[in-house]
mmCIF file of all heavy atoms, coordinates in Angstrom:
data_MODEL
# 
_entry.id   MODEL 
# 
loop_
_atom_site.group_PDB 
_atom_site.id 
_atom_site.type_symbol 
_atom_site.label_atom_id 
_atom_site.label_alt_id 
_atom_site.label_comp_id 
_atom_site.label_asym_id 
_atom_site.label_entity_id 
_atom_site.label_seq_id 
_atom_site.pdbx_PDB_ins_code 
_atom_site.Cartn_x 
_atom_site.Cartn_y 
_atom_site.Cartn_z 
_atom_site.occupancy 
_atom_site.B_iso_or_equiv 
_atom_site.pdbx_formal_charge 
_atom_site.auth_seq_id 
_atom_site.auth_comp_id 
_atom_site.auth_asym_id 
_atom_site.auth_atom_id 
_atom_site.pdbx_PDB_model_num 
ATOM 1   N N   . PRO A 1 1  ? -137.528 140.269 -85.598  1.00 0.00 ? 1  PRO A N   1 
ATOM 2   C CA  . PRO A 1 1  ? -138.734 139.979 -84.740  1.00 0.00 ? 1  PRO A CA  1 
ATOM 3   C C   . PRO A 1 1  ? -138.596 138.770 -83.859  1.00 0.00 ? 1  PRO A C   1 
ATOM 4   O O   . PRO A 1 1  ? -139.011 138.767 -82.685  1.00 0.00 ? 1  PRO A O   1 
ATOM 5   C CB  . PRO A 1 1  ? -139.875 139.805 -85.772  1.00 0.00 ? 1  PRO A CB  1 
ATOM 6   C CG  . PRO A 1 1  ? -139.472 140.543 -86.940  1.00 0.00 ? 1  PRO A CG  1 
ATOM 7   C CD  . PRO A 1 1  ? -137.950 140.361 -87.037  1.00 0.00 ? 1  PRO A CD  1 
ATOM 8   N N   . LEU A 1 2  ? -137.829 137.708 -84.323  1.00 0.00 ? 2  LEU A N   1 
ATOM 9   C CA  . LEU A 1 2  ? -137.537 136.541 -83.500  1.00 0.00 ? 2  LEU A CA  1 
ATOM 10  C C   . LEU A 1 2  ? -136.670 136.955 -82.393  1.00 0.00 ? 2  LEU A C   1 
ATOM 11  O O   . LEU A 1 2  ? -136.824 136.452 -81.237  1.00 0.00 ? 2  LEU A O   1 
ATOM 12  C CB  . LEU A 1 2  ? -137.009 135.417 -84.376  1.00 0.00 ? 2  LEU A CB  1 
ATOM 13  C CG  . LEU A 1 2  ? -136.783 134.123 -83.746  1.00 0.00 ? 2  LEU A CG  1 
ATOM 14  C CD1 . LEU A 1 2  ? -138.102 133.509 -83.222  1.00 0.00 ? 2  LEU A CD1 1 
ATOM 15  C CD2 . LEU A 1 2  ? -136.126 133.116 -84.667  1.00 0.00 ? 2  LEU A CD2 1 
ATOM 16  N N   . ALA A 1 3  ? -135.646 137.740 -82.633  1.00 0.00 ? 3  ALA A N   1 
ATOM 17  C CA  . ALA A 1 3  ? -134.742 138.175 -81.620  1.00 0.00 ? 3  ALA A CA  1 
ATOM 18  C C   . ALA A 1 3  ? -135.471 139.003 -80.584  1.00 0.00 ? 3  ALA A C   1 
ATOM 19  O O   . ALA A 1 3  ? -135.247 138.878 -79.388  1.00 0.00 ? 3  ALA A O   1 
ATOM 20  C CB  . ALA A 1 3  ? -133.582 139.067 -82.246  1.00 0.00 ? 3  ALA A CB  1 
ATOM 21  N N   . ALA A 1 4  ? -136.408 139.807 -81.067  1.00 0.00 ? 4  ALA A N   1 
ATOM 22  C CA  . ALA A 1 4  ? -137.133 140.702 -80.149  1.00 0.00 ? 4  ALA A CA  1 
ATOM 23  C C   . ALA A 1 4  ? -138.047 139.797 -79.303  1.00 0.00 ? 4  ALA A C   1 
ATOM 24  O O   . ALA A 1 4  ? -138.233 140.098 -78.037  1.00 0.00 ? 4  ALA A O   1 
ATOM 25  C CB  . ALA A 1 4  ? -137.918 141.733 -80.879  1.00 0.00 ? 4  ALA A CB  1 
ATOM 26  N N   . GLY A 1 5  ? -138.682 138.794 -79.797  1.00 0.00 ? 5  GLY A N   1 
ATOM 27  C CA  . GLY A 1 5  ? -139.654 138.026 -79.069  1.00 0.00 ? 5  GLY A CA  1 
ATOM 28  C C   . GLY A 1 5  ? -139.071 136.824 -78.240  1.00 0.00 ? 5  GLY A C   1 
ATOM 29  O O   . GLY A 1 5  ? -139.544 136.595 -77.153  1.00 0.00 ? 5  GLY A O   1 
ATOM 30  N N   . GLU A 1 6  ? -137.985 136.203 -78.849  1.00 0.00 ? 6  GLU A N   1 
ATOM 31  C CA  . GLU A 1 6  ? -137.539 135.059 -78.210  1.00 0.00 ? 6  GLU A CA  1 
ATOM 32  C C   . GLU A 1 6  ? -136.044 135.119 -77.810  1.00 0.00 ? 6  GLU A C   1 
ATOM 33  O O   . GLU A 1 6  ? -135.545 134.191 -77.116  1.00 0.00 ? 6  GLU A O   1 
ATOM 34  C CB  . GLU A 1 6  ? -137.739 133.810 -79.154  1.00 0.00 ? 6  GLU A CB  1 
ATOM 35  C CG  . GLU A 1 6  ? -139.220 133.545 -79.434  1.00 0.00 ? 6  GLU A CG  1 
ATOM 36  C CD  . GLU A 1 6  ? -139.437 132.325 -80.246  1.00 0.00 ? 6  GLU A CD  1 
ATOM 37  O OE1 . GLU A 1 6  ? -138.580 131.418 -80.211  1.00 0.00 ? 6  GLU A OE1 1 
ATOM 38  O OE2 . GLU A 1 6  ? -140.365 132.239 -80.975  1.00 0.00 ? 6  GLU A OE2 1 
ATOM 39  N N   . GLY A 1 7  ? -135.314 136.213 -78.157  1.00 0.00 ? 7  GLY A N   1 
ATOM 40  C CA  . GLY A 1 7  ? -134.023 136.342 -77.784  1.00 0.00 ? 7  GLY A CA  1 
ATOM 41  C C   . GLY A 1 7  ? -133.023 135.524 -78.519  1.00 0.00 ? 7  GLY A C   1 
ATOM 42  O O   . GLY A 1 7  ? -131.850 135.333 -78.006  1.00 0.00 ? 7  GLY A O   1 
ATOM 43  N N   . VAL A 1 8  ? -133.344 135.078 -79.671  1.00 0.00 ? 8  VAL A N   1 
ATOM 44  C CA  . VAL A 1 8  ? -132.391 134.296 -80.538  1.00 0.00 ? 8  VAL A CA  1 
ATOM 45  C C   . VAL A 1 8  ? -132.269 134.898 -81.900  1.00 0.00 ? 8  VAL A C   1 
ATOM 46  O O   . VAL A 1 8  ? -133.242 135.487 -82.467  1.00 0.00 ? 8  VAL A O   1 
ATOM 47  C CB  . VAL A 1 8  ? -132.862 132.772 -80.694  1.00 0.00 ? 8  VAL A CB  1 
ATOM 48  C CG1 . VAL A 1 8  ? -132.817 132.099 -79.290  1.00 0.00 ? 8  VAL A CG1 1 
ATOM 49  C CG2 . VAL A 1 8  ? -134.211 132.626 -81.264  1.00 0.00 ? 8  VAL A CG2 1 
ATOM 50  N N   . LEU A 1 9  ? -131.042 134.810 -82.463  1.00 0.00 ? 9  LEU A N   1 
ATOM 51  C CA  . LEU A 1 9  ? -130.792 135.389 -83.807  1.00 0.00 ? 9  LEU A CA  1 
ATOM 52  C C   . LEU A 1 9  ? -130.219 134.324 -84.660  1.00 0.00 ? 9  LEU A C   1 
ATOM 53  O O   . LEU A 1 9  ? -129.051 133.994 -84.614  1.00 0.00 ? 9  LEU A O   1 
ATOM 54  C CB  . LEU A 1 9  ? -129.816 136.543 -83.676  1.00 0.00 ? 9  LEU A CB  1 
ATOM 55  C CG  . LEU A 1 9  ? -129.590 137.425 -84.859  1.00 0.00 ? 9  LEU A CG  1 
ATOM 56  C CD1 . LEU A 1 9  ? -130.859 138.305 -85.054  1.00 0.00 ? 9  LEU A CD1 1 
ATOM 57  C CD2 . LEU A 1 9  ? -128.361 138.225 -84.827  1.00 0.00 ? 9  LEU A CD2 1 
ATOM 58  N N   . PRO A 1 10 ? -131.103 133.598 -85.460  1.00 0.00 ? 10 PRO A N   1 
ATOM 59  C CA  . PRO A 1 10 ? -130.567 132.520 -86.302  1.00 0.00 ? 10 PRO A CA  1 
ATOM 60  C C   . PRO A 1 10 ? -129.676 133.018 -87.396  1.00 0.00 ? 10 PRO A C   1 
ATOM 61  O O   . PRO A 1 10 ? -129.936 134.131 -87.990  1.00 0.00 ? 10 PRO A O   1 
ATOM 62  C CB  . PRO A 1 10 ? -131.800 131.871 -86.901  1.00 0.00 ? 10 PRO A CB  1 
ATOM 63  C CG  . PRO A 1 10 ? -132.933 132.366 -86.034  1.00 0.00 ? 10 PRO A CG  1 
ATOM 64  C CD  . PRO A 1 10 ? -132.532 133.744 -85.551  1.00 0.00 ? 10 PRO A CD  1 
ATOM 65  N N   . SER A 1 11 ? -128.592 132.328 -87.728  1.00 0.00 ? 11 SER A N   1 
ATOM 66  C CA  . SER A 1 11 ? -127.706 132.673 -88.882  1.00 0.00 ? 11 SER A CA  1 
ATOM 67  C C   . SER A 1 11 ? -127.062 131.446 -89.453  1.00 0.00 ? 11 SER A C   1 
ATOM 68  O O   . SER A 1 11 ? -126.663 130.533 -88.784  1.00 0.00 ? 11 SER A O   1 
ATOM 69  C CB  . SER A 1 11 ? -126.652 133.598 -88.328  1.00 0.00 ? 11 SER A CB  1 
ATOM 70  O OG  . SER A 1 11 ? -125.761 133.952 -89.443  1.00 0.00 ? 11 SER A OG  1 
ATOM 71  N N   . MET A 1 12 ? -126.962 131.425 -90.795  1.00 0.00 ? 12 MET A N   1 
ATOM 72  C CA  . MET A 1 12 ? -126.305 130.334 -91.417  1.00 0.00 ? 12 MET A CA  1 
ATOM 73  C C   . MET A 1 12 ? -124.861 130.678 -91.764  1.00 0.00 ? 12 MET A C   1 
ATOM 74  O O   . MET A 1 12 ? -124.143 129.958 -92.399  1.00 0.00 ? 12 MET A O   1 
ATOM 75  C CB  . MET A 1 12 ? -127.011 129.986 -92.742  1.00 0.00 ? 12 MET A CB  1 
ATOM 76  C CG  . MET A 1 12 ? -128.460 129.467 -92.464  1.00 0.00 ? 12 MET A CG  1 
ATOM 77  S SD  . MET A 1 12 ? -129.588 129.482 -93.857  1.00 0.00 ? 12 MET A SD  1 
ATOM 78  C CE  . MET A 1 12 ? -131.092 128.960 -93.060  1.00 0.00 ? 12 MET A CE  1 
ATOM 79  N N   . LEU A 1 13 ? -124.484 131.902 -91.352  1.00 0.00 ? 13 LEU A N   1 
ATOM 80  C CA  . LEU A 1 13 ? -122.974 132.327 -91.342  1.00 0.00 ? 13 LEU A CA  1 
ATOM 81  C C   . LEU A 1 13 ? -122.322 131.733 -90.151  1.00 0.00 ? 13 LEU A C   1 
ATOM 82  O O   . LEU A 1 13 ? -122.966 131.401 -89.118  1.00 0.00 ? 13 LEU A O   1 
ATOM 83  C CB  . LEU A 1 13 ? -122.902 133.821 -91.337  1.00 0.00 ? 13 LEU A CB  1 
ATOM 84  C CG  . LEU A 1 13 ? -123.640 134.563 -92.435  1.00 0.00 ? 13 LEU A CG  1 
ATOM 85  C CD1 . LEU A 1 13 ? -123.529 136.059 -92.085  1.00 0.00 ? 13 LEU A CD1 1 
ATOM 86  C CD2 . LEU A 1 13 ? -122.955 134.318 -93.795  1.00 0.00 ? 13 LEU A CD2 1 
ATOM 87  N N   . ASP A 1 14 ? -120.977 131.507 -90.336  1.00 0.00 ? 14 ASP A N   1 
ATOM 88  C CA  . ASP A 1 14 ? -120.132 131.122 -89.236  1.00 0.00 ? 14 ASP A CA  1 
ATOM 89  C C   . ASP A 1 14 ? -120.318 132.123 -88.082  1.00 0.00 ? 14 ASP A C   1 
ATOM 90  O O   . ASP A 1 14 ? -120.015 133.324 -88.244  1.00 0.00 ? 14 ASP A O   1 
ATOM 91  C CB  . ASP A 1 14 ? -118.681 131.076 -89.648  1.00 0.00 ? 14 ASP A CB  1 
ATOM 92  C CG  . ASP A 1 14 ? -117.740 130.594 -88.644  1.00 0.00 ? 14 ASP A CG  1 
ATOM 93  O OD1 . ASP A 1 14 ? -117.911 130.846 -87.487  1.00 0.00 ? 14 ASP A OD1 1 
ATOM 94  O OD2 . ASP A 1 14 ? -116.724 129.960 -88.996  1.00 0.00 ? 14 ASP A OD2 1 
ATOM 95  N N   . LEU A 1 15 ? -120.757 131.755 -86.900  1.00 0.00 ? 15 LEU A N   1 
ATOM 96  C CA  . LEU A 1 15 ? -121.126 132.684 -85.858  1.00 0.00 ? 15 LEU A CA  1 
ATOM 97  C C   . LEU A 1 15 ? -119.944 133.486 -85.395  1.00 0.00 ? 15 LEU A C   1 
ATOM 98  O O   . LEU A 1 15 ? -120.230 134.736 -84.911  1.00 0.00 ? 15 LEU A O   1 
ATOM 99  C CB  . LEU A 1 15 ? -121.710 131.894 -84.695  1.00 0.00 ? 15 LEU A CB  1 
ATOM 100 C CG  . LEU A 1 15 ? -123.053 131.104 -85.010  1.00 0.00 ? 15 LEU A CG  1 
ATOM 101 C CD1 . LEU A 1 15 ? -123.568 130.493 -83.624  1.00 0.00 ? 15 LEU A CD1 1 
ATOM 102 C CD2 . LEU A 1 15 ? -124.098 131.978 -85.602  1.00 0.00 ? 15 LEU A CD2 1 
ATOM 103 N N   . ASP A 1 16 ? -118.768 133.085 -85.518  1.00 0.00 ? 16 ASP A N   1 
ATOM 104 C CA  . ASP A 1 16 ? -117.660 133.807 -84.922  1.00 0.00 ? 16 ASP A CA  1 
ATOM 105 C C   . ASP A 1 16 ? -116.714 134.454 -86.022  1.00 0.00 ? 16 ASP A C   1 
ATOM 106 O O   . ASP A 1 16 ? -115.682 134.984 -85.608  1.00 0.00 ? 16 ASP A O   1 
ATOM 107 C CB  . ASP A 1 16 ? -116.814 132.842 -84.074  1.00 0.00 ? 16 ASP A CB  1 
ATOM 108 C CG  . ASP A 1 16 ? -117.544 132.356 -82.887  1.00 0.00 ? 16 ASP A CG  1 
ATOM 109 O OD1 . ASP A 1 16 ? -118.114 133.181 -82.141  1.00 0.00 ? 16 ASP A OD1 1 
ATOM 110 O OD2 . ASP A 1 16 ? -117.608 131.153 -82.666  1.00 0.00 ? 16 ASP A OD2 1 
ATOM 111 N N   . ARG A 1 17 ? -117.102 134.309 -87.255  1.00 0.00 ? 17 ARG A N   1 
ATOM 112 C CA  . ARG A 1 17 ? -116.258 134.804 -88.297  1.00 0.00 ? 17 ARG A CA  1 
ATOM 113 C C   . ARG A 1 17 ? -116.790 136.113 -88.832  1.00 0.00 ? 17 ARG A C   1 
ATOM 114 O O   . ARG A 1 17 ? -117.938 136.236 -89.206  1.00 0.00 ? 17 ARG A O   1 
ATOM 115 C CB  . ARG A 1 17 ? -116.242 133.756 -89.449  1.00 0.00 ? 17 ARG A CB  1 
ATOM 116 C CG  . ARG A 1 17 ? -115.422 134.246 -90.697  1.00 0.00 ? 17 ARG A CG  1 
ATOM 117 C CD  . ARG A 1 17 ? -115.497 133.161 -91.768  1.00 0.00 ? 17 ARG A CD  1 
ATOM 118 N NE  . ARG A 1 17 ? -115.087 133.624 -93.059  1.00 0.00 ? 17 ARG A NE  1 
ATOM 119 C CZ  . ARG A 1 17 ? -115.142 132.944 -94.175  1.00 0.00 ? 17 ARG A CZ  1 
ATOM 120 N NH1 . ARG A 1 17 ? -115.734 131.740 -94.159  1.00 0.00 ? 17 ARG A NH1 1 
ATOM 121 N NH2 . ARG A 1 17 ? -114.640 133.397 -95.303  1.00 0.00 ? 17 ARG A NH2 1 
ATOM 122 N N   . ALA A 1 18 ? -115.911 137.137 -88.872  1.00 0.00 ? 18 ALA A N   1 
ATOM 123 C CA  . ALA A 1 18 ? -116.331 138.450 -89.427  1.00 0.00 ? 18 ALA A CA  1 
ATOM 124 C C   . ALA A 1 18 ? -116.608 138.322 -90.860  1.00 0.00 ? 18 ALA A C   1 
ATOM 125 O O   . ALA A 1 18 ? -115.941 137.675 -91.590  1.00 0.00 ? 18 ALA A O   1 
ATOM 126 C CB  . ALA A 1 18 ? -115.274 139.467 -89.137  1.00 0.00 ? 18 ALA A CB  1 
ATOM 127 N N   . GLN A 1 19 ? -117.729 139.013 -91.226  1.00 0.00 ? 19 GLN A N   1 
ATOM 128 C CA  . GLN A 1 19 ? -118.249 138.947 -92.615  1.00 0.00 ? 19 GLN A CA  1 
ATOM 129 C C   . GLN A 1 19 ? -118.424 140.257 -93.188  1.00 0.00 ? 19 GLN A C   1 
ATOM 130 O O   . GLN A 1 19 ? -118.932 141.177 -92.452  1.00 0.00 ? 19 GLN A O   1 
ATOM 131 C CB  . GLN A 1 19 ? -119.562 138.144 -92.571  1.00 0.00 ? 19 GLN A CB  1 
ATOM 132 C CG  . GLN A 1 19 ? -120.398 138.147 -93.919  1.00 0.00 ? 19 GLN A CG  1 
ATOM 133 C CD  . GLN A 1 19 ? -119.745 137.353 -94.987  1.00 0.00 ? 19 GLN A CD  1 
ATOM 134 O OE1 . GLN A 1 19 ? -119.105 136.336 -94.690  1.00 0.00 ? 19 GLN A OE1 1 
ATOM 135 N NE2 . GLN A 1 19 ? -119.819 137.859 -96.244  1.00 0.00 ? 19 GLN A NE2 1 
ATOM 136 N N   . ARG A 1 20 ? -118.125 140.490 -94.388  1.00 0.00 ? 20 ARG A N   1 
ATOM 137 C CA  . ARG A 1 20 ? -118.365 141.867 -95.041  1.00 0.00 ? 20 ARG A CA  1 
ATOM 138 C C   . ARG A 1 20 ? -119.931 141.898 -95.160  1.00 0.00 ? 20 ARG A C   1 
ATOM 139 O O   . ARG A 1 20 ? -120.566 141.046 -95.607  1.00 0.00 ? 20 ARG A O   1 
ATOM 140 C CB  . ARG A 1 20 ? -117.720 141.889 -96.481  1.00 0.00 ? 20 ARG A CB  1 
ATOM 141 C CG  . ARG A 1 20 ? -116.238 142.208 -96.377  1.00 0.00 ? 20 ARG A CG  1 
ATOM 142 C CD  . ARG A 1 20 ? -115.732 142.228 -97.839  1.00 0.00 ? 20 ARG A CD  1 
ATOM 143 N NE  . ARG A 1 20 ? -115.771 140.940 -98.426  1.00 0.00 ? 20 ARG A NE  1 
ATOM 144 C CZ  . ARG A 1 20 ? -114.829 139.920 -98.308  1.00 0.00 ? 20 ARG A CZ  1 
ATOM 145 N NH1 . ARG A 1 20 ? -113.745 140.179 -97.588  1.00 0.00 ? 20 ARG A NH1 1 
ATOM 146 N NH2 . ARG A 1 20 ? -115.004 138.736 -98.875  1.00 0.00 ? 20 ARG A NH2 1 
ATOM 147 N N   . MET A 1 21 ? -120.372 143.147 -94.762  1.00 0.00 ? 21 MET A N   1 
ATOM 148 C CA  . MET A 1 21 ? -121.873 143.447 -94.859  1.00 0.00 ? 21 MET A CA  1 
ATOM 149 C C   . MET A 1 21 ? -121.936 144.876 -95.220  1.00 0.00 ? 21 MET A C   1 
ATOM 150 O O   . MET A 1 21 ? -121.068 145.726 -94.957  1.00 0.00 ? 21 MET A O   1 
ATOM 151 C CB  . MET A 1 21 ? -122.557 143.207 -93.476  1.00 0.00 ? 21 MET A CB  1 
ATOM 152 C CG  . MET A 1 21 ? -122.445 141.847 -92.899  1.00 0.00 ? 21 MET A CG  1 
ATOM 153 S SD  . MET A 1 21 ? -123.165 141.616 -91.301  1.00 0.00 ? 21 MET A SD  1 
ATOM 154 C CE  . MET A 1 21 ? -122.569 140.050 -90.867  1.00 0.00 ? 21 MET A CE  1 
ATOM 155 N N   . VAL A 1 22 ? -123.089 145.235 -95.866  1.00 0.00 ? 22 VAL A N   1 
ATOM 156 C CA  . VAL A 1 22 ? -123.212 146.653 -96.221  1.00 0.00 ? 22 VAL A CA  1 
ATOM 157 C C   . VAL A 1 22 ? -124.723 146.984 -96.140  1.00 0.00 ? 22 VAL A C   1 
ATOM 158 O O   . VAL A 1 22 ? -125.609 146.209 -96.430  1.00 0.00 ? 22 VAL A O   1 
ATOM 159 C CB  . VAL A 1 22 ? -122.744 146.866 -97.724  1.00 0.00 ? 22 VAL A CB  1 
ATOM 160 C CG1 . VAL A 1 22 ? -123.594 146.060 -98.708  1.00 0.00 ? 22 VAL A CG1 1 
ATOM 161 C CG2 . VAL A 1 22 ? -122.716 148.344 -97.997  1.00 0.00 ? 22 VAL A CG2 1 
ATOM 162 N N   . ALA A 1 23 ? -125.016 148.294 -95.800  1.00 0.00 ? 23 ALA A N   1 
ATOM 163 C CA  . ALA A 1 23 ? -126.420 148.762 -95.655  1.00 0.00 ? 23 ALA A CA  1 
ATOM 164 C C   . ALA A 1 23 ? -126.826 149.132 -97.088  1.00 0.00 ? 23 ALA A C   1 
ATOM 165 O O   . ALA A 1 23 ? -126.082 149.718 -97.880  1.00 0.00 ? 23 ALA A O   1 
ATOM 166 C CB  . ALA A 1 23 ? -126.389 149.962 -94.665  1.00 0.00 ? 23 ALA A CB  1 
ATOM 167 N N   . THR A 1 24 ? -128.127 148.961 -97.280  1.00 0.00 ? 24 THR A N   1 
ATOM 168 C CA  . THR A 1 24 ? -128.702 149.315 -98.546  1.00 0.00 ? 24 THR A CA  1 
ATOM 169 C C   . THR A 1 24 ? -128.666 150.860 -98.727  1.00 0.00 ? 24 THR A C   1 
ATOM 170 O O   . THR A 1 24 ? -128.601 151.351 -99.916  1.00 0.00 ? 24 THR A O   1 
ATOM 171 C CB  . THR A 1 24 ? -130.147 148.776 -98.668  1.00 0.00 ? 24 THR A CB  1 
ATOM 172 O OG1 . THR A 1 24 ? -130.979 149.269 -97.632  1.00 0.00 ? 24 THR A OG1 1 
ATOM 173 C CG2 . THR A 1 24 ? -130.205 147.315 -98.738  1.00 0.00 ? 24 THR A CG2 1 
ATOM 174 N N   . ALA A 1 25 ? -128.665 151.619 -97.671  1.00 0.00 ? 25 ALA A N   1 
ATOM 175 C CA  . ALA A 1 25 ? -128.548 153.044 -97.815  1.00 0.00 ? 25 ALA A CA  1 
ATOM 176 C C   . ALA A 1 25 ? -127.234 153.423 -98.462  1.00 0.00 ? 25 ALA A C   1 
ATOM 177 O O   . ALA A 1 25 ? -127.124 154.338 -99.312  1.00 0.00 ? 25 ALA A O   1 
ATOM 178 C CB  . ALA A 1 25 ? -128.693 153.689 -96.435  1.00 0.00 ? 25 ALA A CB  1 
ATOM 179 N N   . ASP A 1 26 ? -126.145 152.724 -98.096  1.00 0.00 ? 26 ASP A N   1 
ATOM 180 C CA  . ASP A 1 26 ? -124.826 152.954 -98.723  1.00 0.00 ? 26 ASP A CA  1 
ATOM 181 C C   . ASP A 1 26 ? -124.822 152.473 -100.207 1.00 0.00 ? 26 ASP A C   1 
ATOM 182 O O   . ASP A 1 26 ? -124.176 153.167 -101.043 1.00 0.00 ? 26 ASP A O   1 
ATOM 183 C CB  . ASP A 1 26 ? -123.782 152.232 -97.968  1.00 0.00 ? 26 ASP A CB  1 
ATOM 184 C CG  . ASP A 1 26 ? -123.281 152.998 -96.706  1.00 0.00 ? 26 ASP A CG  1 
ATOM 185 O OD1 . ASP A 1 26 ? -123.276 154.283 -96.798  1.00 0.00 ? 26 ASP A OD1 1 
ATOM 186 O OD2 . ASP A 1 26 ? -122.854 152.372 -95.721  1.00 0.00 ? 26 ASP A OD2 1 
ATOM 187 N N   . ILE A 1 27 ? -125.457 151.424 -100.458 1.00 0.00 ? 27 ILE A N   1 
ATOM 188 C CA  . ILE A 1 27 ? -125.520 150.904 -101.857 1.00 0.00 ? 27 ILE A CA  1 
ATOM 189 C C   . ILE A 1 27 ? -126.231 151.957 -102.718 1.00 0.00 ? 27 ILE A C   1 
ATOM 190 O O   . ILE A 1 27 ? -125.645 152.355 -103.776 1.00 0.00 ? 27 ILE A O   1 
ATOM 191 C CB  . ILE A 1 27 ? -126.339 149.586 -101.950 1.00 0.00 ? 27 ILE A CB  1 
ATOM 192 C CG1 . ILE A 1 27 ? -125.566 148.501 -101.178 1.00 0.00 ? 27 ILE A CG1 1 
ATOM 193 C CG2 . ILE A 1 27 ? -126.502 149.166 -103.397 1.00 0.00 ? 27 ILE A CG2 1 
ATOM 194 C CD1 . ILE A 1 27 ? -126.366 147.200 -101.100 1.00 0.00 ? 27 ILE A CD1 1 
ATOM 195 N N   . GLY A 1 28 ? -127.336 152.451 -102.252 1.00 0.00 ? 28 GLY A N   1 
ATOM 196 C CA  . GLY A 1 28 ? -128.055 153.417 -103.064 1.00 0.00 ? 28 GLY A CA  1 
ATOM 197 C C   . GLY A 1 28 ? -127.311 154.755 -103.261 1.00 0.00 ? 28 GLY A C   1 
ATOM 198 O O   . GLY A 1 28 ? -127.236 155.299 -104.326 1.00 0.00 ? 28 GLY A O   1 
ATOM 199 N N   . ARG A 1 29 ? -126.656 155.174 -102.176 1.00 0.00 ? 29 ARG A N   1 
ATOM 200 C CA  . ARG A 1 29 ? -125.859 156.441 -102.230 1.00 0.00 ? 29 ARG A CA  1 
ATOM 201 C C   . ARG A 1 29 ? -124.710 156.282 -103.227 1.00 0.00 ? 29 ARG A C   1 
ATOM 202 O O   . ARG A 1 29 ? -124.494 157.200 -104.099 1.00 0.00 ? 29 ARG A O   1 
ATOM 203 C CB  . ARG A 1 29 ? -125.370 156.743 -100.829 1.00 0.00 ? 29 ARG A CB  1 
ATOM 204 C CG  . ARG A 1 29 ? -124.469 157.993 -100.826 1.00 0.00 ? 29 ARG A CG  1 
ATOM 205 C CD  . ARG A 1 29 ? -123.785 158.288 -99.443  1.00 0.00 ? 29 ARG A CD  1 
ATOM 206 N NE  . ARG A 1 29 ? -123.076 157.103 -98.918  1.00 0.00 ? 29 ARG A NE  1 
ATOM 207 C CZ  . ARG A 1 29 ? -121.852 156.798 -99.266  1.00 0.00 ? 29 ARG A CZ  1 
ATOM 208 N NH1 . ARG A 1 29 ? -121.166 157.564 -100.156 1.00 0.00 ? 29 ARG A NH1 1 
ATOM 209 N NH2 . ARG A 1 29 ? -121.230 155.790 -98.749  1.00 0.00 ? 29 ARG A NH2 1 
# 
């Protein structure tokens, strides 16, 4: 919602470093 309203996406991850991520749909499946 912040990205939609103000155009910013806060993150505490390294902004330029690829990170493993997974969708909860895949976890459940």
